């Protein structure tokens, strides 16, 4: 693995460091089309985020990374879900100027501390949904890490579902692997398990081909 990166990467460079097109166990990854517009202005302070923006773990990450100078996204899938389809996952890479990546992780912690529980928007005829958020220890990868835990509870007998986002900082970049609400805990764990591969791609000077 290459030394920790410090200079921010462009969107085009980030895209080459997404998960490899071919993953272990028959899983595959496909990069989303590159967004030509920058995510944020280099060095500009992020606008304080509102709890109303939050829906799941990835939404906490998105609300806390507005100062990123570039980003890239990939969708990956494989295995067999309980619904007889494939298990989906999403990867996002963000790049920041200066110490923006570290500040973004601090913003995630602060946002979750302010927004531990909230009622999600719903129509009058729909069951009430409540989202709860917490920060947990992340995998021992990169320079620092955390997990944004998101639990959505539906009124009545709807039960509770999880949609977490695992975040690892590699120098001036953030690597994020997130899951969706429909997954079982085991399926979500499988999705998060690709983080070590994702971090290796970001840290490598010769990443594997991206789809």
N, C-alpha and C. Protein backbone atom coordinates (compact mmCIF):
# COMPACT_ATOMS: atom_id res chain seq x y z
N UNK A 1 0.85 -1.19 0.00
CA UNK A 1 0.00 0.00 0.00
C UNK A 1 0.88 1.24 0.00
N UNK A 2 0.48 2.23 -0.78
CA UNK A 2 1.28 3.44 -0.88
C UNK A 2 1.16 4.28 0.38
N UNK A 3 2.04 5.27 0.52
CA UNK A 3 1.99 6.16 1.67
C UNK A 3 0.71 6.97 1.66
N UNK A 4 0.29 7.43 2.83
CA UNK A 4 -0.94 8.20 2.96
C UNK A 4 -0.91 9.44 2.08
N UNK A 5 -1.99 9.68 1.34
CA UNK A 5 -2.06 10.82 0.44
C UNK A 5 -2.32 12.09 1.23
N UNK A 6 -1.76 13.21 0.78
CA UNK A 6 -2.02 14.49 1.43
C UNK A 6 -2.64 15.50 0.46
N UNK A 7 -2.18 15.54 -0.81
CA UNK A 7 -2.74 16.48 -1.78
C UNK A 7 -4.12 16.02 -2.22
N UNK A 8 -5.08 16.96 -2.37
CA UNK A 8 -6.42 16.56 -2.79
C UNK A 8 -6.44 16.06 -4.23
N UNK A 9 -7.27 15.06 -4.50
CA UNK A 9 -7.42 14.50 -5.84
C UNK A 9 -8.57 15.19 -6.56
N UNK A 10 -8.47 15.26 -7.89
CA UNK A 10 -9.56 15.79 -8.69
C UNK A 10 -10.65 14.72 -8.82
N UNK A 11 -11.81 15.11 -9.36
CA UNK A 11 -12.90 14.15 -9.56
C UNK A 11 -12.46 13.03 -10.50
N UNK A 12 -11.74 13.38 -11.55
CA UNK A 12 -11.27 12.37 -12.51
C UNK A 12 -10.29 11.41 -11.83
N UNK A 13 -9.41 11.94 -10.99
CA UNK A 13 -8.46 11.09 -10.28
C UNK A 13 -9.18 10.20 -9.28
N UNK A 14 -10.13 10.77 -8.55
CA UNK A 14 -10.90 9.97 -7.60
C UNK A 14 -11.58 8.79 -8.30
N UNK A 15 -12.11 9.06 -9.47
CA UNK A 15 -12.86 8.02 -10.20
C UNK A 15 -11.98 6.81 -10.51
N UNK A 16 -10.69 7.03 -10.75
CA UNK A 16 -9.78 5.91 -11.04
C UNK A 16 -9.45 5.10 -9.79
N UNK A 17 -9.81 5.62 -8.61
CA UNK A 17 -9.51 4.93 -7.35
C UNK A 17 -10.75 4.33 -6.70
N UNK A 18 -11.87 4.29 -7.42
CA UNK A 18 -13.06 3.62 -6.91
C UNK A 18 -12.82 2.11 -6.84
N UNK A 19 -13.76 1.39 -6.28
CA UNK A 19 -13.63 -0.06 -6.19
C UNK A 19 -13.38 -0.68 -7.56
N UNK A 20 -12.57 -1.74 -7.62
CA UNK A 20 -12.32 -2.41 -8.90
C UNK A 20 -13.62 -2.91 -9.53
N UNK A 21 -13.62 -2.98 -10.87
CA UNK A 21 -14.81 -3.45 -11.57
C UNK A 21 -15.18 -4.88 -11.17
N UNK A 22 -14.17 -5.72 -10.94
CA UNK A 22 -14.39 -7.11 -10.56
C UNK A 22 -13.96 -7.28 -9.11
N UNK A 23 -14.90 -7.74 -8.29
CA UNK A 23 -14.66 -7.91 -6.86
C UNK A 23 -14.75 -9.38 -6.49
N UNK A 24 -14.21 -9.77 -5.32
CA UNK A 24 -14.26 -11.17 -4.90
C UNK A 24 -15.69 -11.69 -4.79
N UNK A 25 -15.84 -13.00 -5.00
CA UNK A 25 -17.13 -13.64 -4.78
C UNK A 25 -18.18 -13.33 -5.82
N UNK A 26 -17.75 -12.87 -7.01
CA UNK A 26 -18.72 -12.59 -8.06
C UNK A 26 -19.37 -11.23 -7.98
N UNK A 27 -18.91 -10.38 -7.07
CA UNK A 27 -19.44 -9.02 -6.96
C UNK A 27 -18.83 -8.15 -8.05
N UNK A 28 -19.57 -7.12 -8.46
CA UNK A 28 -19.07 -6.18 -9.47
C UNK A 28 -19.36 -4.75 -9.03
N UNK A 29 -18.56 -3.82 -9.55
CA UNK A 29 -18.72 -2.40 -9.23
C UNK A 29 -18.76 -1.59 -10.52
N UNK A 30 -19.64 -0.60 -10.57
CA UNK A 30 -19.78 0.25 -11.75
C UNK A 30 -19.71 1.70 -11.30
N UNK A 31 -18.78 2.46 -11.87
CA UNK A 31 -18.64 3.87 -11.53
C UNK A 31 -19.78 4.68 -12.14
N UNK A 32 -20.30 5.62 -11.38
CA UNK A 32 -21.32 6.52 -11.89
C UNK A 32 -20.67 7.53 -12.84
N UNK A 33 -21.44 8.08 -13.80
CA UNK A 33 -20.88 9.11 -14.69
C UNK A 33 -20.31 10.27 -13.89
N UNK A 34 -19.21 10.81 -14.37
CA UNK A 34 -18.54 11.89 -13.64
C UNK A 34 -19.36 13.17 -13.68
N UNK A 35 -19.54 13.77 -12.52
CA UNK A 35 -20.22 15.06 -12.43
C UNK A 35 -19.18 16.15 -12.66
N UNK A 36 -19.37 16.95 -13.70
CA UNK A 36 -18.38 17.95 -14.05
C UNK A 36 -18.37 19.14 -13.09
N UNK A 37 -19.47 19.34 -12.35
CA UNK A 37 -19.53 20.48 -11.44
C UNK A 37 -18.82 20.13 -10.14
N UNK A 38 -18.01 21.04 -9.58
CA UNK A 38 -17.32 20.76 -8.32
C UNK A 38 -18.31 20.64 -7.18
N UNK A 39 -17.97 19.81 -6.20
CA UNK A 39 -18.87 19.64 -5.07
C UNK A 39 -18.88 20.87 -4.19
N UNK A 40 -17.76 21.49 -4.00
CA UNK A 40 -17.69 22.66 -3.14
C UNK A 40 -16.57 23.58 -3.59
N UNK A 41 -16.54 24.76 -3.03
CA UNK A 41 -15.47 25.71 -3.36
C UNK A 41 -14.26 25.42 -2.49
N UNK A 42 -13.09 25.32 -3.09
CA UNK A 42 -11.88 24.97 -2.36
C UNK A 42 -11.65 25.94 -1.20
N UNK A 43 -11.57 25.37 -0.01
CA UNK A 43 -11.28 26.16 1.17
C UNK A 43 -12.47 26.91 1.74
N UNK A 44 -13.64 26.84 1.10
CA UNK A 44 -14.81 27.57 1.59
C UNK A 44 -15.42 26.85 2.78
N UNK A 45 -15.88 27.58 3.79
CA UNK A 45 -16.51 26.92 4.93
C UNK A 45 -17.84 26.31 4.53
N UNK A 46 -18.17 25.17 5.12
CA UNK A 46 -19.43 24.50 4.81
C UNK A 46 -20.58 25.21 5.52
N UNK A 47 -21.75 25.21 4.88
CA UNK A 47 -22.94 25.76 5.51
C UNK A 47 -23.41 24.80 6.60
N UNK A 48 -23.73 25.29 7.79
CA UNK A 48 -24.21 24.39 8.85
C UNK A 48 -25.39 23.56 8.37
N UNK A 49 -25.37 22.28 8.68
CA UNK A 49 -26.40 21.36 8.19
C UNK A 49 -27.58 21.30 9.14
N UNK A 50 -28.73 21.00 8.57
CA UNK A 50 -29.97 20.88 9.34
C UNK A 50 -30.32 19.42 9.57
N UNK A 51 -30.93 19.13 10.70
CA UNK A 51 -31.38 17.77 10.98
C UNK A 51 -32.40 17.31 9.94
N UNK A 52 -33.13 18.26 9.36
CA UNK A 52 -34.17 17.92 8.39
C UNK A 52 -33.59 17.28 7.13
N UNK A 53 -32.28 17.43 6.89
CA UNK A 53 -31.64 16.85 5.71
C UNK A 53 -31.39 15.35 5.87
N UNK A 54 -31.53 14.82 7.06
CA UNK A 54 -31.06 13.47 7.35
C UNK A 54 -32.14 12.41 7.14
N UNK A 55 -31.74 11.32 6.48
CA UNK A 55 -32.63 10.19 6.25
C UNK A 55 -31.98 8.87 6.63
N UNK A 56 -30.65 8.78 6.42
CA UNK A 56 -29.90 7.55 6.68
C UNK A 56 -28.44 7.92 6.92
N UNK A 57 -27.58 6.90 7.03
CA UNK A 57 -26.17 7.18 7.29
C UNK A 57 -25.51 7.98 6.20
N UNK A 58 -25.80 7.66 4.93
CA UNK A 58 -25.18 8.39 3.83
C UNK A 58 -25.60 9.85 3.82
N UNK A 59 -26.82 10.15 4.24
CA UNK A 59 -27.27 11.55 4.25
C UNK A 59 -26.51 12.37 5.29
N UNK A 60 -26.09 11.74 6.38
CA UNK A 60 -25.24 12.42 7.37
C UNK A 60 -23.90 12.76 6.74
N UNK A 61 -23.34 11.81 5.99
CA UNK A 61 -22.06 12.04 5.30
C UNK A 61 -22.21 13.17 4.28
N UNK A 62 -23.26 13.11 3.46
CA UNK A 62 -23.46 14.13 2.43
C UNK A 62 -23.59 15.52 3.05
N UNK A 63 -24.32 15.61 4.16
CA UNK A 63 -24.52 16.91 4.81
C UNK A 63 -23.24 17.46 5.43
N UNK A 64 -22.28 16.58 5.69
CA UNK A 64 -21.04 16.99 6.36
C UNK A 64 -19.86 17.16 5.41
N UNK A 65 -20.07 16.93 4.12
CA UNK A 65 -18.97 16.98 3.16
C UNK A 65 -19.17 18.08 2.11
N UNK A 66 -19.92 19.11 2.45
CA UNK A 66 -20.21 20.18 1.48
C UNK A 66 -18.97 20.98 1.09
N UNK A 67 -17.93 20.92 1.90
CA UNK A 67 -16.70 21.65 1.59
C UNK A 67 -15.73 20.84 0.74
N UNK A 68 -16.13 19.61 0.33
CA UNK A 68 -15.26 18.79 -0.51
C UNK A 68 -15.03 19.47 -1.85
N UNK A 69 -13.81 19.34 -2.38
CA UNK A 69 -13.49 19.93 -3.68
C UNK A 69 -13.86 19.01 -4.83
N UNK A 70 -14.02 17.70 -4.56
CA UNK A 70 -14.36 16.74 -5.62
C UNK A 70 -14.93 15.47 -4.99
N UNK A 71 -15.66 14.73 -5.80
CA UNK A 71 -16.17 13.44 -5.33
C UNK A 71 -16.39 12.51 -6.51
N UNK A 72 -16.53 11.21 -6.24
CA UNK A 72 -16.83 10.20 -7.25
C UNK A 72 -17.66 9.11 -6.58
N UNK A 73 -18.51 8.46 -7.37
CA UNK A 73 -19.45 7.49 -6.82
C UNK A 73 -19.44 6.20 -7.63
N UNK A 74 -19.62 5.08 -6.95
CA UNK A 74 -19.78 3.79 -7.62
C UNK A 74 -20.88 3.00 -6.93
N UNK A 75 -21.61 2.22 -7.70
CA UNK A 75 -22.60 1.28 -7.16
C UNK A 75 -22.03 -0.12 -7.33
N UNK A 76 -22.09 -0.94 -6.30
CA UNK A 76 -21.59 -2.30 -6.42
C UNK A 76 -22.64 -3.28 -5.90
N UNK A 77 -22.57 -4.51 -6.36
CA UNK A 77 -23.60 -5.48 -5.99
C UNK A 77 -23.09 -6.90 -6.18
N UNK A 78 -23.80 -7.83 -5.56
CA UNK A 78 -23.46 -9.24 -5.68
C UNK A 78 -24.21 -10.06 -4.66
N UNK A 79 -23.91 -11.34 -4.60
CA UNK A 79 -24.57 -12.21 -3.63
C UNK A 79 -26.05 -12.37 -3.93
N UNK A 80 -26.79 -12.81 -2.91
CA UNK A 80 -28.23 -13.02 -3.06
C UNK A 80 -28.93 -12.45 -1.83
N UNK A 81 -29.83 -11.51 -2.05
CA UNK A 81 -30.57 -10.92 -0.94
C UNK A 81 -31.76 -11.81 -0.58
N UNK A 82 -32.38 -11.50 0.54
CA UNK A 82 -33.55 -12.29 0.97
C UNK A 82 -34.69 -12.14 -0.01
N UNK A 83 -34.68 -11.09 -0.84
CA UNK A 83 -35.72 -10.89 -1.84
C UNK A 83 -35.37 -11.52 -3.18
N UNK A 84 -34.38 -12.41 -3.19
CA UNK A 84 -33.93 -13.14 -4.38
C UNK A 84 -33.27 -12.25 -5.43
N UNK A 85 -32.87 -11.06 -5.04
CA UNK A 85 -32.10 -10.20 -5.93
C UNK A 85 -30.66 -10.12 -5.44
N UNK A 86 -29.89 -9.23 -6.06
CA UNK A 86 -28.52 -9.03 -5.59
C UNK A 86 -28.52 -8.05 -4.41
N UNK A 87 -27.45 -8.06 -3.65
CA UNK A 87 -27.28 -7.16 -2.51
C UNK A 87 -26.60 -5.89 -3.02
N UNK A 88 -27.21 -4.71 -2.84
CA UNK A 88 -26.60 -3.47 -3.35
C UNK A 88 -25.76 -2.76 -2.30
N UNK A 89 -24.77 -2.02 -2.77
CA UNK A 89 -23.96 -1.16 -1.91
C UNK A 89 -23.55 0.07 -2.68
N UNK A 90 -23.17 1.12 -1.97
CA UNK A 90 -22.71 2.34 -2.64
C UNK A 90 -21.38 2.77 -2.04
N UNK A 91 -20.47 3.22 -2.91
CA UNK A 91 -19.18 3.77 -2.49
C UNK A 91 -19.11 5.23 -2.94
N UNK A 92 -18.65 6.11 -2.05
CA UNK A 92 -18.38 7.49 -2.43
C UNK A 92 -16.99 7.88 -1.94
N UNK A 93 -16.25 8.53 -2.81
CA UNK A 93 -14.94 9.09 -2.46
C UNK A 93 -15.04 10.60 -2.50
N UNK A 94 -14.51 11.26 -1.48
CA UNK A 94 -14.49 12.72 -1.40
C UNK A 94 -13.06 13.18 -1.23
N UNK A 95 -12.70 14.30 -1.84
CA UNK A 95 -11.38 14.89 -1.67
C UNK A 95 -11.53 16.32 -1.16
N UNK A 96 -10.60 16.73 -0.27
CA UNK A 96 -10.70 18.03 0.39
C UNK A 96 -9.36 18.77 0.35
N UNK A 97 -9.39 20.09 0.33
CA UNK A 97 -8.17 20.87 0.51
C UNK A 97 -7.77 20.90 1.98
N UNK A 98 -6.50 21.10 2.23
CA UNK A 98 -5.98 21.29 3.59
C UNK A 98 -6.42 20.13 4.51
N UNK A 99 -6.95 20.45 5.69
CA UNK A 99 -7.38 19.41 6.62
C UNK A 99 -8.89 19.21 6.58
N UNK A 100 -9.49 19.49 5.41
CA UNK A 100 -10.93 19.42 5.28
C UNK A 100 -11.51 18.04 5.53
N UNK A 101 -10.78 16.97 5.19
CA UNK A 101 -11.30 15.62 5.39
C UNK A 101 -11.47 15.33 6.88
N UNK A 102 -10.49 15.73 7.67
CA UNK A 102 -10.60 15.54 9.13
C UNK A 102 -11.74 16.38 9.69
N UNK A 103 -11.87 17.62 9.22
CA UNK A 103 -12.94 18.48 9.70
C UNK A 103 -14.31 17.92 9.34
N UNK A 104 -14.43 17.29 8.17
CA UNK A 104 -15.69 16.69 7.77
C UNK A 104 -16.10 15.57 8.72
N UNK A 105 -15.12 14.78 9.16
CA UNK A 105 -15.44 13.72 10.12
C UNK A 105 -15.88 14.30 11.46
N UNK A 106 -15.25 15.38 11.87
CA UNK A 106 -15.68 16.05 13.09
C UNK A 106 -17.10 16.61 12.92
N UNK A 107 -17.41 17.10 11.72
CA UNK A 107 -18.75 17.62 11.45
C UNK A 107 -19.79 16.50 11.53
N UNK A 108 -19.43 15.30 11.08
CA UNK A 108 -20.35 14.17 11.20
C UNK A 108 -20.67 13.87 12.65
N UNK A 109 -19.63 13.87 13.48
CA UNK A 109 -19.85 13.61 14.91
C UNK A 109 -20.74 14.69 15.53
N UNK A 110 -20.48 15.96 15.17
CA UNK A 110 -21.25 17.06 15.73
C UNK A 110 -22.69 17.02 15.25
N UNK A 111 -22.90 16.68 13.97
CA UNK A 111 -24.25 16.64 13.42
C UNK A 111 -25.08 15.54 14.08
N UNK A 112 -24.48 14.38 14.26
CA UNK A 112 -25.19 13.28 14.93
C UNK A 112 -25.49 13.64 16.38
N UNK A 113 -24.57 14.33 17.04
CA UNK A 113 -24.81 14.73 18.43
C UNK A 113 -26.01 15.67 18.53
N UNK A 114 -26.24 16.50 17.49
CA UNK A 114 -27.38 17.42 17.48
C UNK A 114 -28.67 16.76 17.02
N UNK A 115 -28.53 15.66 16.25
CA UNK A 115 -29.70 15.08 15.59
C UNK A 115 -29.81 13.58 15.92
N UNK A 116 -29.88 13.27 17.18
CA UNK A 116 -29.91 11.85 17.57
C UNK A 116 -31.23 11.18 17.23
N UNK A 117 -32.30 11.94 17.19
CA UNK A 117 -33.60 11.36 16.88
C UNK A 117 -34.49 12.41 16.23
N UNK A 118 -35.19 12.01 15.16
CA UNK A 118 -36.11 12.94 14.50
C UNK A 118 -37.18 12.17 13.75
N UNK A 119 -38.31 12.84 13.53
CA UNK A 119 -39.40 12.24 12.77
C UNK A 119 -39.22 12.58 11.30
N UNK A 120 -39.27 11.56 10.44
CA UNK A 120 -39.08 11.77 9.02
C UNK A 120 -40.36 12.28 8.37
N UNK A 121 -40.24 13.08 7.32
CA UNK A 121 -41.44 13.59 6.62
C UNK A 121 -42.28 12.42 6.08
N UNK A 122 -43.60 12.53 6.19
CA UNK A 122 -44.48 11.49 5.67
C UNK A 122 -45.85 12.08 5.38
N UNK A 123 -46.57 11.44 4.49
CA UNK A 123 -47.94 11.87 4.17
C UNK A 123 -48.87 11.49 5.31
N UNK A 124 -50.02 12.14 5.35
CA UNK A 124 -50.96 11.93 6.46
C UNK A 124 -51.42 10.48 6.57
N UNK A 125 -51.49 9.78 5.43
CA UNK A 125 -51.98 8.39 5.45
C UNK A 125 -50.87 7.37 5.67
N UNK A 126 -49.64 7.82 5.76
CA UNK A 126 -48.52 6.91 5.94
C UNK A 126 -48.16 6.77 7.42
N UNK A 127 -47.59 5.63 7.77
CA UNK A 127 -47.16 5.40 9.15
C UNK A 127 -45.99 6.33 9.49
N UNK A 128 -45.94 6.76 10.73
CA UNK A 128 -44.86 7.64 11.18
C UNK A 128 -43.53 6.89 11.19
N UNK A 129 -42.49 7.51 10.67
CA UNK A 129 -41.16 6.94 10.70
C UNK A 129 -40.24 7.85 11.51
N UNK A 130 -39.48 7.23 12.42
CA UNK A 130 -38.54 7.96 13.25
C UNK A 130 -37.12 7.48 12.95
N UNK A 131 -36.22 8.42 12.74
CA UNK A 131 -34.82 8.07 12.47
C UNK A 131 -33.97 8.38 13.70
N UNK A 132 -33.12 7.44 14.07
CA UNK A 132 -32.18 7.65 15.16
C UNK A 132 -30.77 7.48 14.65
N UNK A 133 -29.85 8.33 15.13
CA UNK A 133 -28.48 8.32 14.63
C UNK A 133 -27.49 8.18 15.78
N UNK A 134 -26.37 7.52 15.49
CA UNK A 134 -25.29 7.36 16.47
C UNK A 134 -23.98 7.21 15.73
N UNK A 135 -22.88 7.50 16.41
CA UNK A 135 -21.54 7.31 15.87
C UNK A 135 -20.89 6.14 16.59
N UNK A 136 -20.37 5.19 15.83
CA UNK A 136 -19.68 4.04 16.39
C UNK A 136 -18.24 3.99 15.88
N UNK A 137 -17.43 3.20 16.54
CA UNK A 137 -16.03 3.03 16.14
C UNK A 137 -15.96 2.37 14.77
N UNK A 138 -15.10 2.89 13.89
CA UNK A 138 -14.95 2.34 12.55
C UNK A 138 -13.86 1.28 12.48
N UNK A 139 -13.63 0.72 11.29
CA UNK A 139 -12.59 -0.29 11.12
C UNK A 139 -11.20 0.32 11.29
N UNK A 140 -10.23 -0.50 11.62
CA UNK A 140 -8.86 -0.01 11.82
C UNK A 140 -8.16 0.08 10.47
N UNK A 141 -8.55 1.10 9.74
CA UNK A 141 -8.03 1.34 8.40
C UNK A 141 -7.76 2.83 8.24
N UNK A 142 -6.84 3.19 7.34
CA UNK A 142 -6.58 4.58 7.05
C UNK A 142 -6.04 5.36 8.24
N UNK A 143 -6.28 6.68 8.23
CA UNK A 143 -5.80 7.57 9.29
C UNK A 143 -6.79 7.70 10.45
N UNK A 144 -8.07 7.56 10.17
CA UNK A 144 -9.12 7.56 11.19
C UNK A 144 -10.39 7.04 10.54
N UNK A 145 -11.32 6.59 11.36
CA UNK A 145 -12.55 6.02 10.80
C UNK A 145 -13.68 6.12 11.80
N UNK A 146 -14.90 5.95 11.29
CA UNK A 146 -16.10 5.91 12.12
C UNK A 146 -17.21 5.25 11.33
N UNK A 147 -18.28 4.90 12.03
CA UNK A 147 -19.49 4.39 11.40
C UNK A 147 -20.65 5.28 11.81
N UNK A 148 -21.37 5.82 10.83
CA UNK A 148 -22.60 6.56 11.11
C UNK A 148 -23.72 5.53 11.13
N UNK A 149 -24.27 5.27 12.29
CA UNK A 149 -25.34 4.30 12.42
C UNK A 149 -26.68 5.02 12.30
N UNK A 150 -27.54 4.50 11.43
CA UNK A 150 -28.86 5.09 11.22
C UNK A 150 -29.93 4.00 11.39
N UNK A 151 -30.87 4.24 12.28
CA UNK A 151 -31.94 3.29 12.55
C UNK A 151 -33.28 3.95 12.28
N UNK A 152 -34.05 3.39 11.35
CA UNK A 152 -35.34 3.95 10.99
C UNK A 152 -36.44 3.02 11.49
N UNK A 153 -37.30 3.56 12.34
CA UNK A 153 -38.38 2.78 12.95
C UNK A 153 -39.71 3.26 12.40
N UNK A 154 -40.51 2.32 11.92
CA UNK A 154 -41.82 2.64 11.36
C UNK A 154 -42.88 2.35 12.41
N UNK A 155 -43.85 3.26 12.54
CA UNK A 155 -44.92 3.09 13.52
C UNK A 155 -45.73 1.84 13.26
N UNK A 156 -46.50 1.43 14.25
CA UNK A 156 -47.26 0.19 14.14
C UNK A 156 -46.36 -1.00 14.30
N UNK A 157 -46.43 -1.94 13.35
CA UNK A 157 -45.61 -3.15 13.42
C UNK A 157 -44.55 -3.16 12.32
N UNK A 158 -44.16 -1.96 11.90
CA UNK A 158 -43.18 -1.88 10.82
C UNK A 158 -41.78 -2.32 11.20
N UNK A 159 -41.42 -2.21 12.48
CA UNK A 159 -40.10 -2.62 12.92
C UNK A 159 -39.04 -1.58 12.65
N UNK A 160 -37.78 -1.98 12.86
CA UNK A 160 -36.65 -1.07 12.70
C UNK A 160 -35.67 -1.62 11.67
N UNK A 161 -35.20 -0.73 10.78
CA UNK A 161 -34.21 -1.10 9.78
C UNK A 161 -32.98 -0.22 9.94
N UNK A 162 -31.82 -0.72 9.47
CA UNK A 162 -30.56 0.02 9.57
C UNK A 162 -30.07 0.40 8.19
N UNK A 163 -29.46 1.57 8.10
CA UNK A 163 -28.82 2.01 6.85
C UNK A 163 -27.59 2.82 7.23
N UNK A 164 -26.51 2.10 7.56
CA UNK A 164 -25.29 2.73 8.08
C UNK A 164 -24.36 3.18 6.96
N UNK A 165 -23.42 4.04 7.33
CA UNK A 165 -22.35 4.46 6.42
C UNK A 165 -21.02 4.34 7.16
N UNK A 166 -20.09 3.61 6.59
CA UNK A 166 -18.76 3.45 7.17
C UNK A 166 -17.81 4.43 6.47
N UNK A 167 -17.06 5.20 7.26
CA UNK A 167 -16.22 6.27 6.73
C UNK A 167 -14.77 6.07 7.17
N UNK A 168 -13.85 6.11 6.22
CA UNK A 168 -12.42 6.01 6.52
C UNK A 168 -11.71 7.19 5.85
N UNK A 169 -10.87 7.87 6.60
CA UNK A 169 -10.06 8.95 6.03
C UNK A 169 -8.71 8.42 5.61
N UNK A 170 -8.32 8.72 4.37
CA UNK A 170 -6.99 8.40 3.85
C UNK A 170 -6.37 9.72 3.41
N UNK A 171 -5.58 10.34 4.27
CA UNK A 171 -5.01 11.64 3.96
C UNK A 171 -6.10 12.68 3.77
N UNK A 172 -6.14 13.29 2.59
CA UNK A 172 -7.11 14.34 2.30
C UNK A 172 -8.38 13.80 1.65
N UNK A 173 -8.54 12.49 1.64
CA UNK A 173 -9.72 11.86 1.02
C UNK A 173 -10.54 11.09 2.05
N UNK A 174 -11.84 10.99 1.80
CA UNK A 174 -12.73 10.14 2.60
C UNK A 174 -13.25 9.02 1.71
N UNK A 175 -13.25 7.81 2.26
CA UNK A 175 -13.82 6.64 1.59
C UNK A 175 -15.08 6.27 2.36
N UNK A 176 -16.21 6.17 1.68
CA UNK A 176 -17.49 5.89 2.35
C UNK A 176 -18.17 4.70 1.68
N UNK A 177 -18.53 3.72 2.46
CA UNK A 177 -19.32 2.58 2.01
C UNK A 177 -20.64 2.62 2.77
N UNK A 178 -21.76 2.64 2.04
CA UNK A 178 -23.05 2.75 2.71
C UNK A 178 -24.01 1.68 2.23
N UNK A 179 -24.98 1.35 3.08
CA UNK A 179 -25.99 0.35 2.77
C UNK A 179 -27.38 0.99 2.78
N UNK A 180 -28.37 0.25 2.29
CA UNK A 180 -29.74 0.76 2.22
C UNK A 180 -30.61 0.07 3.26
N UNK A 181 -31.79 0.64 3.49
CA UNK A 181 -32.66 0.18 4.57
C UNK A 181 -33.17 -1.25 4.39
N UNK A 182 -33.31 -1.72 3.16
CA UNK A 182 -33.95 -3.01 2.93
C UNK A 182 -33.07 -4.21 3.26
N UNK A 183 -31.79 -3.99 3.57
CA UNK A 183 -30.87 -5.10 3.81
C UNK A 183 -31.02 -5.68 5.21
N UNK A 184 -30.75 -6.98 5.31
CA UNK A 184 -30.63 -7.59 6.63
C UNK A 184 -29.31 -7.16 7.26
N UNK A 185 -29.14 -7.40 8.54
CA UNK A 185 -27.90 -7.02 9.22
C UNK A 185 -26.71 -7.76 8.60
N UNK A 186 -26.91 -9.03 8.26
CA UNK A 186 -25.83 -9.81 7.66
C UNK A 186 -25.46 -9.26 6.28
N UNK A 187 -26.47 -8.87 5.48
CA UNK A 187 -26.20 -8.33 4.16
C UNK A 187 -25.48 -6.99 4.25
N UNK A 188 -25.91 -6.15 5.19
CA UNK A 188 -25.25 -4.86 5.39
C UNK A 188 -23.80 -5.06 5.83
N UNK A 189 -23.55 -6.09 6.64
CA UNK A 189 -22.19 -6.39 7.06
C UNK A 189 -21.31 -6.81 5.90
N UNK A 190 -21.91 -7.54 4.96
CA UNK A 190 -21.17 -7.94 3.77
C UNK A 190 -20.78 -6.73 2.94
N UNK A 191 -21.72 -5.78 2.79
CA UNK A 191 -21.44 -4.55 2.04
C UNK A 191 -20.29 -3.78 2.70
N UNK A 192 -20.38 -3.59 4.02
CA UNK A 192 -19.33 -2.86 4.74
C UNK A 192 -17.99 -3.56 4.67
N UNK A 193 -18.01 -4.88 4.46
CA UNK A 193 -16.78 -5.66 4.40
C UNK A 193 -15.88 -5.33 3.22
N UNK A 194 -16.40 -4.59 2.23
CA UNK A 194 -15.58 -4.21 1.09
C UNK A 194 -14.75 -2.95 1.36
N UNK A 195 -14.83 -2.42 2.58
CA UNK A 195 -14.09 -1.21 2.89
C UNK A 195 -12.58 -1.40 2.77
N UNK A 196 -12.05 -2.53 3.20
CA UNK A 196 -10.60 -2.72 3.11
C UNK A 196 -10.12 -2.68 1.66
N UNK A 197 -10.91 -3.23 0.75
CA UNK A 197 -10.57 -3.17 -0.68
C UNK A 197 -10.65 -1.74 -1.18
N UNK A 198 -11.68 -1.01 -0.74
CA UNK A 198 -11.86 0.38 -1.17
C UNK A 198 -10.70 1.26 -0.70
N UNK A 199 -10.27 1.07 0.54
CA UNK A 199 -9.16 1.86 1.08
C UNK A 199 -7.87 1.54 0.35
N UNK A 200 -7.65 0.27 0.04
CA UNK A 200 -6.44 -0.12 -0.70
C UNK A 200 -6.41 0.53 -2.08
N UNK A 201 -7.57 0.63 -2.73
CA UNK A 201 -7.64 1.29 -4.04
C UNK A 201 -7.26 2.76 -3.94
N UNK A 202 -7.75 3.45 -2.92
CA UNK A 202 -7.48 4.87 -2.75
C UNK A 202 -6.01 5.11 -2.43
N UNK A 203 -5.42 4.23 -1.63
CA UNK A 203 -4.03 4.41 -1.21
C UNK A 203 -3.02 3.96 -2.26
N UNK A 204 -3.47 3.18 -3.24
CA UNK A 204 -2.54 2.60 -4.22
C UNK A 204 -2.14 3.59 -5.30
N UNK A 205 -0.87 3.53 -5.71
CA UNK A 205 -0.39 4.30 -6.86
C UNK A 205 -0.74 3.61 -8.17
N UNK A 206 -1.15 2.33 -8.09
CA UNK A 206 -1.51 1.56 -9.28
C UNK A 206 -2.81 0.79 -8.99
N UNK A 207 -3.94 1.52 -8.87
CA UNK A 207 -5.21 0.85 -8.54
C UNK A 207 -5.66 -0.09 -9.65
N UNK A 208 -6.46 -1.09 -9.26
CA UNK A 208 -7.00 -2.03 -10.23
C UNK A 208 -8.02 -1.33 -11.12
N UNK A 209 -8.29 -1.87 -12.32
CA UNK A 209 -9.21 -1.22 -13.27
C UNK A 209 -10.61 -1.02 -12.67
N UNK A 210 -11.18 0.15 -12.93
CA UNK A 210 -12.50 0.52 -12.44
C UNK A 210 -13.52 0.35 -13.54
N UNK A 211 -14.71 -0.09 -13.19
CA UNK A 211 -15.74 -0.32 -14.20
C UNK A 211 -16.46 0.92 -14.63
